[in-house]
Amino acid sequence: MAVTIKPVIGLGTRVMKTREWTAIDGCGTS
């Protein structure tokens, strides 16, 4: 179970980081 969950958590963290950067870029451009 842990083996299956770990990649999902890693994927979620990547998505969150990407969204953070997108939000920062959006604030900077606008």
C-alpha atoms as a PDB file:
ATOM      1  CA  MET A   1       0.000   0.000   0.000  1.00  0.00           C
ATOM      2  CA  ALA A   2       2.746   2.461   0.952  1.00  0.00           C
ATOM      3  CA  VAL A   3       4.494   1.668  -2.334  1.00  0.00           C
ATOM      4  CA  THR A   4       1.343   2.595  -4.246  1.00  0.00           C
ATOM      5  CA  ILE A   5       0.619   5.737  -2.221  1.00  0.00           C
ATOM      6  CA  LYS A   6       4.147   7.199  -2.325  1.00  0.00           C
ATOM      7  CA  PRO A   7       4.157   7.948  -6.101  1.00  0.00           C
ATOM      8  CA  VAL A   8       0.706   9.520  -5.766  1.00  0.00           C
ATOM      9  CA  ILE A   9       1.975  11.835  -3.009  1.00  0.00           C
ATOM     10  CA  GLY A  10       4.986  12.703  -5.178  1.00  0.00           C
ATOM     11  CA  LEU A  11       2.701  13.474  -8.103  1.00  0.00           C
ATOM     12  CA  GLY A  12       0.463  15.623  -5.907  1.00  0.00           C
ATOM     13  CA  THR A  13       3.479  17.547  -4.626  1.00  0.00           C
ATOM     14  CA  ARG A  14       4.607  18.196  -8.209  1.00  0.00           C
ATOM     15  CA  VAL A  15       1.158  19.446  -9.182  1.00  0.00           C
ATOM     16  CA  MET A  16       1.049  21.740  -6.131  1.00  0.00           C
ATOM     17  CA  LYS A  17       4.496  23.158  -6.909  1.00  0.00           C
ATOM     18  CA  THR A  18       3.495  23.742 -10.540  1.00  0.00           C
ATOM     19  CA  ARG A  19       0.322  25.530  -9.420  1.00  0.00           C
ATOM     20  CA  GLU A  20       2.324  27.677  -7.010  1.00  0.00           C
ATOM     21  CA  TRP A  21       4.702  28.728  -9.777  1.00  0.00           C
ATOM     22  CA  THR A  22       1.766  29.387 -12.128  1.00  0.00           C
ATOM     23  CA  ALA A  23       0.131  31.585  -9.477  1.00  0.00           C
ATOM     24  CA  ILE A  24       3.409  33.468  -8.920  1.00  0.00           C
ATOM     25  CA  ASP A  25       3.832  33.969 -12.687  1.00  0.00           C
ATOM     26  CA  GLY A  26       0.219  35.151 -12.942  1.00  0.00           C
ATOM     27  CA  CYS A  27       0.738  37.701 -10.159  1.00  0.00           C
ATOM     28  CA  GLY A  28       3.989  38.901 -11.727  1.00  0.00           C
ATOM     29  CA  THR A  29       2.582  39.370 -15.237  1.00  0.00           C
ATOM     30  CA  SER A  30      -0.699  40.964 -14.128  1.00  0.00           C
END
